[in-house]
Amino acid sequence: MGFLLDNCRIFSHTEKMLNFSCGDKDLDDFFLNDAAKYQQQLLCKSYTFRLKSDDAVVVCVFTLSNSSIDARNLPNNRCRKLTENVPYEKSLSSYPATS
């Protein structure tokens, strides 16, 4: 049917991938250092496709997140209320949301 379906299994991205590199410095940094933090804060959910024959081989990694609220368009009091309830070390300009 397709390479991923026939040759891979999907896993929740929960552990560090020490040997991961897709060749894009920003993406490598996100999946190696930030994806687990974002997942803990429920800002996204990351997955890996790994070879059925060798789980150590990562074929692809992707992240899903909901729609978002642009915090820059919120009144100051609403923005403060939103940001104080998100325990993450960075302030974001938008936050995941479900509509």
PDB file of N, CA and C in Angstrom:
ATOM      1  N   MET A   1       0.830  -1.193   0.000  1.00  0.00           N
ATOM      2  CA  MET A   1       0.000   0.000   0.000  1.00  0.00           C
ATOM      3  C   MET A   1       0.873   1.254   0.000  1.00  0.00           C
ATOM      4  N   GLY A   2       1.759   1.371   0.964  1.00  0.00           N
ATOM      5  CA  GLY A   2       2.658   2.509   1.048  1.00  0.00           C
ATOM      6  C   GLY A   2       3.802   2.162   1.966  1.00  0.00           C
ATOM      7  N   PHE A   3       4.915   2.853   1.797  1.00  0.00           N
ATOM      8  CA  PHE A   3       6.105   2.527   2.579  1.00  0.00           C
ATOM      9  C   PHE A   3       5.839   2.596   4.075  1.00  0.00           C
ATOM     10  N   LEU A   4       5.248   3.690   4.554  1.00  0.00           N
ATOM     11  CA  LEU A   4       5.021   3.837   6.001  1.00  0.00           C
ATOM     12  C   LEU A   4       4.093   2.754   6.528  1.00  0.00           C
ATOM     13  N   LEU A   5       3.009   2.508   5.821  1.00  0.00           N
ATOM     14  CA  LEU A   5       2.037   1.503   6.263  1.00  0.00           C
ATOM     15  C   LEU A   5       2.627   0.095   6.247  1.00  0.00           C
ATOM     16  N   ASP A   6       3.395  -0.216   5.220  1.00  0.00           N
ATOM     17  CA  ASP A   6       3.939  -1.569   5.069  1.00  0.00           C
ATOM     18  C   ASP A   6       5.180  -1.840   5.920  1.00  0.00           C
ATOM     19  N   ASN A   7       6.002  -0.829   6.139  1.00  0.00           N
ATOM     20  CA  ASN A   7       7.316  -1.063   6.746  1.00  0.00           C
ATOM     21  C   ASN A   7       7.549  -0.414   8.096  1.00  0.00           C
ATOM     22  N   CYS A   8       6.585   0.368   8.576  1.00  0.00           N
ATOM     23  CA  CYS A   8       6.824   1.138   9.801  1.00  0.00           C
ATOM     24  C   CYS A   8       5.714   0.971  10.820  1.00  0.00           C
ATOM     25  N   ARG A   9       6.055   1.318  12.057  1.00  0.00           N
ATOM     26  CA  ARG A   9       5.085   1.429  13.150  1.00  0.00           C
ATOM     27  C   ARG A   9       5.108   2.870  13.634  1.00  0.00           C
ATOM     28  N   ILE A  10       3.962   3.321  14.120  1.00  0.00           N
ATOM     29  CA  ILE A  10       3.891   4.682  14.657  1.00  0.00           C
ATOM     30  C   ILE A  10       3.995   4.626  16.172  1.00  0.00           C
ATOM     31  N   PHE A  11       4.760   5.554  16.729  1.00  0.00           N
ATOM     32  CA  PHE A  11       4.960   5.644  18.168  1.00  0.00           C
ATOM     33  C   PHE A  11       4.712   7.078  18.619  1.00  0.00           C
ATOM     34  N   SER A  12       4.210   7.223  19.819  1.00  0.00           N
ATOM     35  CA  SER A  12       4.149   8.542  20.426  1.00  0.00           C
ATOM     36  C   SER A  12       5.580   8.960  20.714  1.00  0.00           C
ATOM     37  N   HIS A  13       5.905  10.193  20.405  1.00  0.00           N
ATOM     38  CA  HIS A  13       7.270  10.700  20.609  1.00  0.00           C
ATOM     39  C   HIS A  13       7.415  11.077  22.076  1.00  0.00           C
ATOM     40  N   THR A  14       7.905  10.140  22.862  1.00  0.00           N
ATOM     41  CA  THR A  14       8.015  10.376  24.298  1.00  0.00           C
ATOM     42  C   THR A  14       9.450  10.365  24.794  1.00  0.00           C
ATOM     43  N   GLU A  15      10.327   9.721  24.047  1.00  0.00           N
ATOM     44  CA  GLU A  15      11.710   9.647  24.498  1.00  0.00           C
ATOM     45  C   GLU A  15      12.600  10.477  23.583  1.00  0.00           C
ATOM     46  N   LYS A  16      13.766  10.835  24.088  1.00  0.00           N
ATOM     47  CA  LYS A  16      14.720  11.595  23.276  1.00  0.00           C
ATOM     48  C   LYS A  16      15.255  10.717  22.156  1.00  0.00           C
ATOM     49  N   MET A  17      15.427  11.323  21.002  1.00  0.00           N
ATOM     50  CA  MET A  17      16.017  10.619  19.870  1.00  0.00           C
ATOM     51  C   MET A  17      17.442  11.129  19.718  1.00  0.00           C
ATOM     52  N   LEU A  18      18.373  10.432  20.328  1.00  0.00           N
ATOM     53  CA  LEU A  18      19.743  10.912  20.401  1.00  0.00           C
ATOM     54  C   LEU A  18      20.410  11.038  19.035  1.00  0.00           C
ATOM     55  N   ASN A  19      20.060  10.176  18.097  1.00  0.00           N
ATOM     56  CA  ASN A  19      20.718  10.180  16.797  1.00  0.00           C
ATOM     57  C   ASN A  19      19.867  10.820  15.713  1.00  0.00           C
ATOM     58  N   PHE A  20      18.847  11.569  16.076  1.00  0.00           N
ATOM     59  CA  PHE A  20      17.948  12.149  15.081  1.00  0.00           C
ATOM     60  C   PHE A  20      18.556  13.377  14.418  1.00  0.00           C
ATOM     61  N   SER A  21      18.445  13.433  13.101  1.00  0.00           N
ATOM     62  CA  SER A  21      18.794  14.635  12.351  1.00  0.00           C
ATOM     63  C   SER A  21      18.089  14.574  11.007  1.00  0.00           C
ATOM     64  N   CYS A  22      17.325  15.631  10.727  1.00  0.00           N
ATOM     65  CA  CYS A  22      16.659  15.716   9.430  1.00  0.00           C
ATOM     66  C   CYS A  22      17.403  16.676   8.504  1.00  0.00           C
ATOM     67  N   GLY A  23      18.461  17.295   9.021  1.00  0.00           N
ATOM     68  CA  GLY A  23      19.239  18.215   8.218  1.00  0.00           C
ATOM     69  C   GLY A  23      18.828  19.672   8.358  1.00  0.00           C
ATOM     70  N   ASP A  24      17.712  19.934   9.037  1.00  0.00           N
ATOM     71  CA  ASP A  24      17.267  21.304   9.293  1.00  0.00           C
ATOM     72  C   ASP A  24      17.555  21.605  10.765  1.00  0.00           C
ATOM     73  N   LYS A  25      18.433  22.553  11.010  1.00  0.00           N
ATOM     74  CA  LYS A  25      18.892  22.841  12.375  1.00  0.00           C
ATOM     75  C   LYS A  25      17.739  23.158  13.330  1.00  0.00           C
ATOM     76  N   ASP A  26      16.772  23.978  12.882  1.00  0.00           N
ATOM     77  CA  ASP A  26      15.645  24.344  13.748  1.00  0.00           C
ATOM     78  C   ASP A  26      14.763  23.141  14.077  1.00  0.00           C
ATOM     79  N   LEU A  27      14.470  22.305  13.068  1.00  0.00           N
ATOM     80  CA  LEU A  27      13.651  21.115  13.329  1.00  0.00           C
ATOM     81  C   LEU A  27      14.387  20.123  14.223  1.00  0.00           C
ATOM     82  N   ASP A  28      15.668  19.922  13.940  1.00  0.00           N
ATOM     83  CA  ASP A  28      16.455  19.029  14.800  1.00  0.00           C
ATOM     84  C   ASP A  28      16.397  19.489  16.257  1.00  0.00           C
ATOM     85  N   ASP A  29      16.607  20.784  16.471  1.00  0.00           N
ATOM     86  CA  ASP A  29      16.580  21.338  17.825  1.00  0.00           C
ATOM     87  C   ASP A  29      15.206  21.145  18.468  1.00  0.00           C
ATOM     88  N   PHE A  30      14.132  21.387  17.712  1.00  0.00           N
ATOM     89  CA  PHE A  30      12.796  21.220  18.269  1.00  0.00           C
ATOM     90  C   PHE A  30      12.563  19.777  18.721  1.00  0.00           C
ATOM     91  N   PHE A  31      12.820  18.810  17.841  1.00  0.00           N
ATOM     92  CA  PHE A  31      12.521  17.421  18.197  1.00  0.00           C
ATOM     93  C   PHE A  31      13.488  16.860  19.234  1.00  0.00           C
ATOM     94  N   LEU A  32      14.719  17.340  19.268  1.00  0.00           N
ATOM     95  CA  LEU A  32      15.681  16.848  20.252  1.00  0.00           C
ATOM     96  C   LEU A  32      15.508  17.494  21.624  1.00  0.00           C
ATOM     97  N   ASN A  33      15.081  18.778  21.653  1.00  0.00           N
ATOM     98  CA  ASN A  33      15.087  19.507  22.920  1.00  0.00           C
ATOM     99  C   ASN A  33      13.732  20.047  23.381  1.00  0.00           C
ATOM    100  N   ASP A  34      12.864  20.391  22.456  1.00  0.00           N
ATOM    101  CA  ASP A  34      11.641  21.095  22.844  1.00  0.00           C
ATOM    102  C   ASP A  34      10.349  20.286  22.735  1.00  0.00           C
ATOM    103  N   ALA A  35      10.295  19.304  21.863  1.00  0.00           N
ATOM    104  CA  ALA A  35       9.043  18.588  21.617  1.00  0.00           C
ATOM    105  C   ALA A  35       8.464  17.983  22.897  1.00  0.00           C
ATOM    106  N   ALA A  36       9.301  17.394  23.723  1.00  0.00           N
ATOM    107  CA  ALA A  36       8.811  16.782  24.970  1.00  0.00           C
ATOM    108  C   ALA A  36       8.231  17.839  25.908  1.00  0.00           C
ATOM    109  N   LYS A  37       8.873  19.024  25.972  1.00  0.00           N
ATOM    110  CA  LYS A  37       8.358  20.108  26.824  1.00  0.00           C
ATOM    111  C   LYS A  37       7.002  20.594  26.317  1.00  0.00           C
ATOM    112  N   TYR A  38       6.886  20.793  25.017  1.00  0.00           N
ATOM    113  CA  TYR A  38       5.624  21.240  24.445  1.00  0.00           C
ATOM    114  C   TYR A  38       4.526  20.207  24.690  1.00  0.00           C
ATOM    115  N   GLN A  39       4.897  18.922  24.579  1.00  0.00           N
ATOM    116  CA  GLN A  39       3.919  17.857  24.798  1.00  0.00           C
ATOM    117  C   GLN A  39       3.462  17.821  26.256  1.00  0.00           C
ATOM    118  N   GLN A  40       4.386  18.013  27.191  1.00  0.00           N
ATOM    119  CA  GLN A  40       4.029  18.041  28.617  1.00  0.00           C
ATOM    120  C   GLN A  40       3.047  19.166  28.918  1.00  0.00           C
ATOM    121  N   GLN A  41       3.175  20.279  28.218  1.00  0.00           N
ATOM    122  CA  GLN A  41       2.297  21.431  28.431  1.00  0.00           C
ATOM    123  C   GLN A  41       1.025  21.355  27.581  1.00  0.00           C
ATOM    124  N   LEU A  42       0.835  20.215  26.890  1.00  0.00           N
ATOM    125  CA  LEU A  42      -0.337  19.977  26.047  1.00  0.00           C
ATOM    126  C   LEU A  42      -0.457  20.998  24.909  1.00  0.00           C
ATOM    127  N   LEU A  43       0.679  21.484  24.430  1.00  0.00           N
ATOM    128  CA  LEU A  43       0.675  22.419  23.310  1.00  0.00           C
ATOM    129  C   LEU A  43       0.718  21.689  21.976  1.00  0.00           C
ATOM    130  N   CYS A  44       1.157  20.432  21.980  1.00  0.00           N
ATOM    131  CA  CYS A  44       1.200  19.635  20.760  1.00  0.00           C
ATOM    132  C   CYS A  44       1.371  18.165  21.138  1.00  0.00           C
ATOM    133  N   LYS A  45       1.334  17.324  20.121  1.00  0.00           N
ATOM    134  CA  LYS A  45       1.583  15.893  20.301  1.00  0.00           C
ATOM    135  C   LYS A  45       2.457  15.453  19.136  1.00  0.00           C
ATOM    136  N   SER A  46       3.599  14.855  19.435  1.00  0.00           N
ATOM    137  CA  SER A  46       4.535  14.438  18.394  1.00  0.00           C
ATOM    138  C   SER A  46       4.547  12.922  18.260  1.00  0.00           C
ATOM    139  N   TYR A  47       4.798  12.465  17.041  1.00  0.00           N
ATOM    140  CA  TYR A  47       4.822  11.039  16.726  1.00  0.00           C
ATOM    141  C   TYR A  47       6.035  10.719  15.870  1.00  0.00           C
ATOM    142  N   THR A  48       6.475   9.465  15.948  1.00  0.00           N
ATOM    143  CA  THR A  48       7.544   8.997  15.068  1.00  0.00           C
ATOM    144  C   THR A  48       7.070   7.757  14.335  1.00  0.00           C
ATOM    145  N   PHE A  49       7.492   7.629  13.092  1.00  0.00           N
ATOM    146  CA  PHE A  49       7.365   6.376  12.357  1.00  0.00           C
ATOM    147  C   PHE A  49       8.733   5.738  12.416  1.00  0.00           C
ATOM    148  N   ARG A  50       8.775   4.480  12.879  1.00  0.00           N
ATOM    149  CA  ARG A  50      10.032   3.735  12.990  1.00  0.00           C
ATOM    150  C   ARG A  50       9.908   2.434  12.210  1.00  0.00           C
ATOM    151  N   LEU A  51      11.021   1.963  11.687  1.00  0.00           N
ATOM    152  CA  LEU A  51      11.008   0.712  10.925  1.00  0.00           C
ATOM    153  C   LEU A  51      10.546  -0.437  11.801  1.00  0.00           C
ATOM    154  N   LYS A  52       9.695  -1.294  11.241  1.00  0.00           N
ATOM    155  CA  LYS A  52       9.258  -2.494  11.963  1.00  0.00           C
ATOM    156  C   LYS A  52      10.443  -3.404  12.250  1.00  0.00           C
ATOM    157  N   SER A  53      11.383  -3.446  11.332  1.00  0.00           N
ATOM    158  CA  SER A  53      12.533  -4.336  11.483  1.00  0.00           C
ATOM    159  C   SER A  53      13.574  -3.821  12.474  1.00  0.00           C
ATOM    160  N   ASP A  54      13.552  -2.513  12.770  1.00  0.00           N
ATOM    161  CA  ASP A  54      14.522  -1.926  13.701  1.00  0.00           C
ATOM    162  C   ASP A  54      13.942  -0.640  14.282  1.00  0.00           C
ATOM    163  N   ASP A  55      13.372  -0.727  15.478  1.00  0.00           N
ATOM    164  CA  ASP A  55      12.724   0.432  16.117  1.00  0.00           C
ATOM    165  C   ASP A  55      13.669   1.609  16.334  1.00  0.00           C
ATOM    166  N   ALA A  56      14.972   1.383  16.272  1.00  0.00           N
ATOM    167  CA  ALA A  56      15.925   2.475  16.472  1.00  0.00           C
ATOM    168  C   ALA A  56      15.996   3.401  15.258  1.00  0.00           C
ATOM    169  N   VAL A  57      15.518   2.937  14.117  1.00  0.00           N
ATOM    170  CA  VAL A  57      15.571   3.738  12.887  1.00  0.00           C
ATOM    171  C   VAL A  57      14.303   4.576  12.761  1.00  0.00           C
ATOM    172  N   VAL A  58      14.466   5.893  12.898  1.00  0.00           N
ATOM    173  CA  VAL A  58      13.355   6.830  12.756  1.00  0.00           C
ATOM    174  C   VAL A  58      13.226   7.200  11.289  1.00  0.00           C
ATOM    175  N   VAL A  59      12.051   6.949  10.724  1.00  0.00           N
ATOM    176  CA  VAL A  59      11.813   7.253   9.315  1.00  0.00           C
ATOM    177  C   VAL A  59      11.275   8.671   9.166  1.00  0.00           C
ATOM    178  N   CYS A  60      10.377   9.059  10.061  1.00  0.00           N
ATOM    179  CA  CYS A  60       9.883  10.432  10.048  1.00  0.00           C
ATOM    180  C   CYS A  60       9.311  10.789  11.414  1.00  0.00           C
ATOM    181  N   VAL A  61       9.251  12.090  11.660  1.00  0.00           N
ATOM    182  CA  VAL A  61       8.721  12.631  12.900  1.00  0.00           C
ATOM    183  C   VAL A  61       7.772  13.750  12.510  1.00  0.00           C
ATOM    184  N   PHE A  62       6.653  13.848  13.222  1.00  0.00           N
ATOM    185  CA  PHE A  62       5.737  14.960  12.959  1.00  0.00           C
ATOM    186  C   PHE A  62       5.014  15.348  14.230  1.00  0.00           C
ATOM    187  N   THR A  63       4.503  16.563  14.236  1.00  0.00           N
ATOM    188  CA  THR A  63       3.804  17.106  15.391  1.00  0.00           C
ATOM    189  C   THR A  63       2.443  17.612  14.961  1.00  0.00           C
ATOM    190  N   LEU A  64       1.449  17.349  15.792  1.00  0.00           N
ATOM    191  CA  LEU A  64       0.094  17.849  15.562  1.00  0.00           C
ATOM    192  C   LEU A  64      -0.273  18.814  16.675  1.00  0.00           C
ATOM    193  N   SER A  65      -0.971  19.871  16.311  1.00  0.00           N
ATOM    194  CA  SER A  65      -1.507  20.779  17.318  1.00  0.00           C
ATOM    195  C   SER A  65      -2.836  21.312  16.818  1.00  0.00           C
ATOM    196  N   ASN A  66      -3.621  21.796  17.739  1.00  0.00           N
ATOM    197  CA  ASN A  66      -4.923  22.352  17.389  1.00  0.00           C
ATOM    198  C   ASN A  66      -4.770  23.709  16.727  1.00  0.00           C
ATOM    199  N   SER A  67      -5.888  24.306  16.448  1.00  0.00           N
ATOM    200  CA  SER A  67      -5.897  25.680  15.969  1.00  0.00           C
ATOM    201  C   SER A  67      -5.285  26.553  17.062  1.00  0.00           C
ATOM    202  N   SER A  68      -5.283  27.870  16.874  1.00  0.00           N
ATOM    203  CA  SER A  68      -4.651  28.701  17.887  1.00  0.00           C
ATOM    204  C   SER A  68      -5.398  30.003  18.118  1.00  0.00           C
ATOM    205  N   ILE A  69      -5.114  30.575  19.273  1.00  0.00           N
ATOM    206  CA  ILE A  69      -5.613  31.903  19.632  1.00  0.00           C
ATOM    207  C   ILE A  69      -4.431  32.845  19.543  1.00  0.00           C
ATOM    208  N   ASP A  70      -4.576  33.891  18.767  1.00  0.00           N
ATOM    209  CA  ASP A  70      -3.512  34.886  18.640  1.00  0.00           C
ATOM    210  C   ASP A  70      -3.592  35.814  19.840  1.00  0.00           C
ATOM    211  N   ALA A  71      -2.663  35.667  20.763  1.00  0.00           N
ATOM    212  CA  ALA A  71      -2.674  36.438  22.012  1.00  0.00           C
ATOM    213  C   ALA A  71      -2.480  37.929  21.765  1.00  0.00           C
ATOM    214  N   ARG A  72      -1.885  38.291  20.641  1.00  0.00           N
ATOM    215  CA  ARG A  72      -1.654  39.705  20.339  1.00  0.00           C
ATOM    216  C   ARG A  72      -2.963  40.453  20.087  1.00  0.00           C
ATOM    217  N   ASN A  73      -4.027  39.723  19.746  1.00  0.00           N
ATOM    218  CA  ASN A  73      -5.319  40.346  19.464  1.00  0.00           C
ATOM    219  C   ASN A  73      -6.256  40.365  20.668  1.00  0.00           C
ATOM    220  N   LEU A  74      -5.794  39.850  21.790  1.00  0.00           N
ATOM    221  CA  LEU A  74      -6.627  39.813  22.990  1.00  0.00           C
ATOM    222  C   LEU A  74      -6.424  41.080  23.818  1.00  0.00           C
ATOM    223  N   PRO A  75      -7.478  41.517  24.522  1.00  0.00           N
ATOM    224  CA  PRO A  75      -7.288  42.625  25.468  1.00  0.00           C
ATOM    225  C   PRO A  75      -6.260  42.214  26.529  1.00  0.00           C
ATOM    226  N   ASN A  76      -5.559  43.177  27.100  1.00  0.00           N
ATOM    227  CA  ASN A  76      -4.478  42.890  28.057  1.00  0.00           C
ATOM    228  C   ASN A  76      -4.893  41.977  29.193  1.00  0.00           C
ATOM    229  N   ASN A  77      -6.074  42.205  29.781  1.00  0.00           N
ATOM    230  CA  ASN A  77      -6.483  41.368  30.919  1.00  0.00           C
ATOM    231  C   ASN A  77      -6.715  39.918  30.490  1.00  0.00           C
ATOM    232  N   ARG A  78      -7.267  39.688  29.304  1.00  0.00           N
ATOM    233  CA  ARG A  78      -7.471  38.320  28.805  1.00  0.00           C
ATOM    234  C   ARG A  78      -6.141  37.657  28.468  1.00  0.00           C
ATOM    235  N   CYS A  79      -5.242  38.412  27.886  1.00  0.00           N
ATOM    236  CA  CYS A  79      -3.928  37.884  27.531  1.00  0.00           C
ATOM    237  C   CYS A  79      -3.166  37.469  28.789  1.00  0.00           C
ATOM    238  N   ARG A  80      -3.196  38.292  29.811  1.00  0.00           N
ATOM    239  CA  ARG A  80      -2.532  37.970  31.076  1.00  0.00           C
ATOM    240  C   ARG A  80      -3.118  36.695  31.682  1.00  0.00           C
ATOM    241  N   LYS A  81      -4.439  36.586  31.664  1.00  0.00           N
ATOM    242  CA  LYS A  81      -5.099  35.411  32.226  1.00  0.00           C
ATOM    243  C   LYS A  81      -4.689  34.146  31.465  1.00  0.00           C
ATOM    244  N   LEU A  82      -4.610  34.243  30.157  1.00  0.00           N
ATOM    245  CA  LEU A  82      -4.207  33.109  29.338  1.00  0.00           C
ATOM    246  C   LEU A  82      -2.760  32.718  29.618  1.00  0.00           C
ATOM    247  N   THR A  83      -1.856  33.673  29.614  1.00  0.00           N
ATOM    248  CA  THR A  83      -0.432  33.361  29.754  1.00  0.00           C
ATOM    249  C   THR A  83      -0.047  32.912  31.161  1.00  0.00           C
ATOM    250  N   GLU A  84      -0.722  33.374  32.183  1.00  0.00           N
ATOM    251  CA  GLU A  84      -0.352  32.948  33.541  1.00  0.00           C
ATOM    252  C   GLU A  84      -0.769  31.513  33.826  1.00  0.00           C
ATOM    253  N   ASN A  85      -1.658  30.953  33.020  1.00  0.00           N
ATOM    254  CA  ASN A  85      -2.096  29.568  33.208  1.00  0.00           C
ATOM    255  C   ASN A  85      -1.311  28.571  32.370  1.00  0.00           C
ATOM    256  N   VAL A  86      -0.356  29.038  31.600  1.00  0.00           N
ATOM    257  CA  VAL A  86       0.466  28.145  30.790  1.00  0.00           C
ATOM    258  C   VAL A  86       1.862  28.110  31.395  1.00  0.00           C
ATOM    259  N   PRO A  87       2.200  27.023  32.086  1.00  0.00           N
ATOM    260  CA  PRO A  87       3.499  26.952  32.760  1.00  0.00           C
ATOM    261  C   PRO A  87       4.634  26.581  31.811  1.00  0.00           C
ATOM    262  N   TYR A  88       5.039  27.487  30.994  1.00  0.00           N
ATOM    263  CA  TYR A  88       6.136  27.268  30.067  1.00  0.00           C
ATOM    264  C   TYR A  88       7.046  28.477  30.134  1.00  0.00           C
ATOM    265  N   GLU A  89       8.329  28.275  29.969  1.00  0.00           N
ATOM    266  CA  GLU A  89       9.267  29.369  30.205  1.00  0.00           C
ATOM    267  C   GLU A  89       9.232  30.484  29.167  1.00  0.00           C
ATOM    268  N   LYS A  90       8.587  30.269  28.029  1.00  0.00           N
ATOM    269  CA  LYS A  90       8.518  31.309  27.007  1.00  0.00           C
ATOM    270  C   LYS A  90       7.097  31.840  26.899  1.00  0.00           C
ATOM    271  N   SER A  91       6.985  33.095  26.582  1.00  0.00           N
ATOM    272  CA  SER A  91       5.678  33.633  26.218  1.00  0.00           C
ATOM    273  C   SER A  91       5.494  33.386  24.734  1.00  0.00           C
ATOM    274  N   LEU A  92       4.334  32.931  24.364  1.00  0.00           N
ATOM    275  CA  LEU A  92       4.038  32.661  22.962  1.00  0.00           C
ATOM    276  C   LEU A  92       3.113  33.733  22.420  1.00  0.00           C
ATOM    277  N   SER A  93       3.173  33.981  21.132  1.00  0.00           N
ATOM    278  CA  SER A  93       2.261  34.961  20.534  1.00  0.00           C
ATOM    279  C   SER A  93       0.916  34.318  20.218  1.00  0.00           C
ATOM    280  N   SER A  94       0.870  32.980  20.135  1.00  0.00           N
ATOM    281  CA  SER A  94      -0.395  32.285  19.941  1.00  0.00           C
ATOM    282  C   SER A  94      -0.375  30.995  20.753  1.00  0.00           C
ATOM    283  N   TYR A  95      -1.563  30.549  21.146  1.00  0.00           N
ATOM    284  CA  TYR A  95      -1.711  29.359  21.969  1.00  0.00           C
ATOM    285  C   TYR A  95      -2.696  28.414  21.328  1.00  0.00           C
ATOM    286  N   PRO A  96      -2.432  27.091  21.401  1.00  0.00           N
ATOM    287  CA  PRO A  96      -3.344  26.112  20.813  1.00  0.00           C
ATOM    288  C   PRO A  96      -4.749  26.237  21.385  1.00  0.00           C
ATOM    289  N   ALA A  97      -5.729  25.963  20.539  1.00  0.00           N
ATOM    290  CA  ALA A  97      -7.125  26.054  20.952  1.00  0.00           C
ATOM    291  C   ALA A  97      -7.959  25.058  20.146  1.00  0.00           C
ATOM    292  N   THR A  98      -9.117  24.746  20.652  1.00  0.00           N
ATOM    293  CA  THR A  98     -10.066  23.893  19.946  1.00  0.00           C
ATOM    294  C   THR A  98     -11.337  24.693  19.732  1.00  0.00           C
ATOM    295  N   SER A  99     -11.853  24.618  18.526  1.00  0.00           N
ATOM    296  CA  SER A  99     -13.101  25.364  18.268  1.00  0.00           C
ATOM    297  C   SER A  99     -14.253  24.430  18.053  1.00  0.00           C
TER     298      SER A  99
END
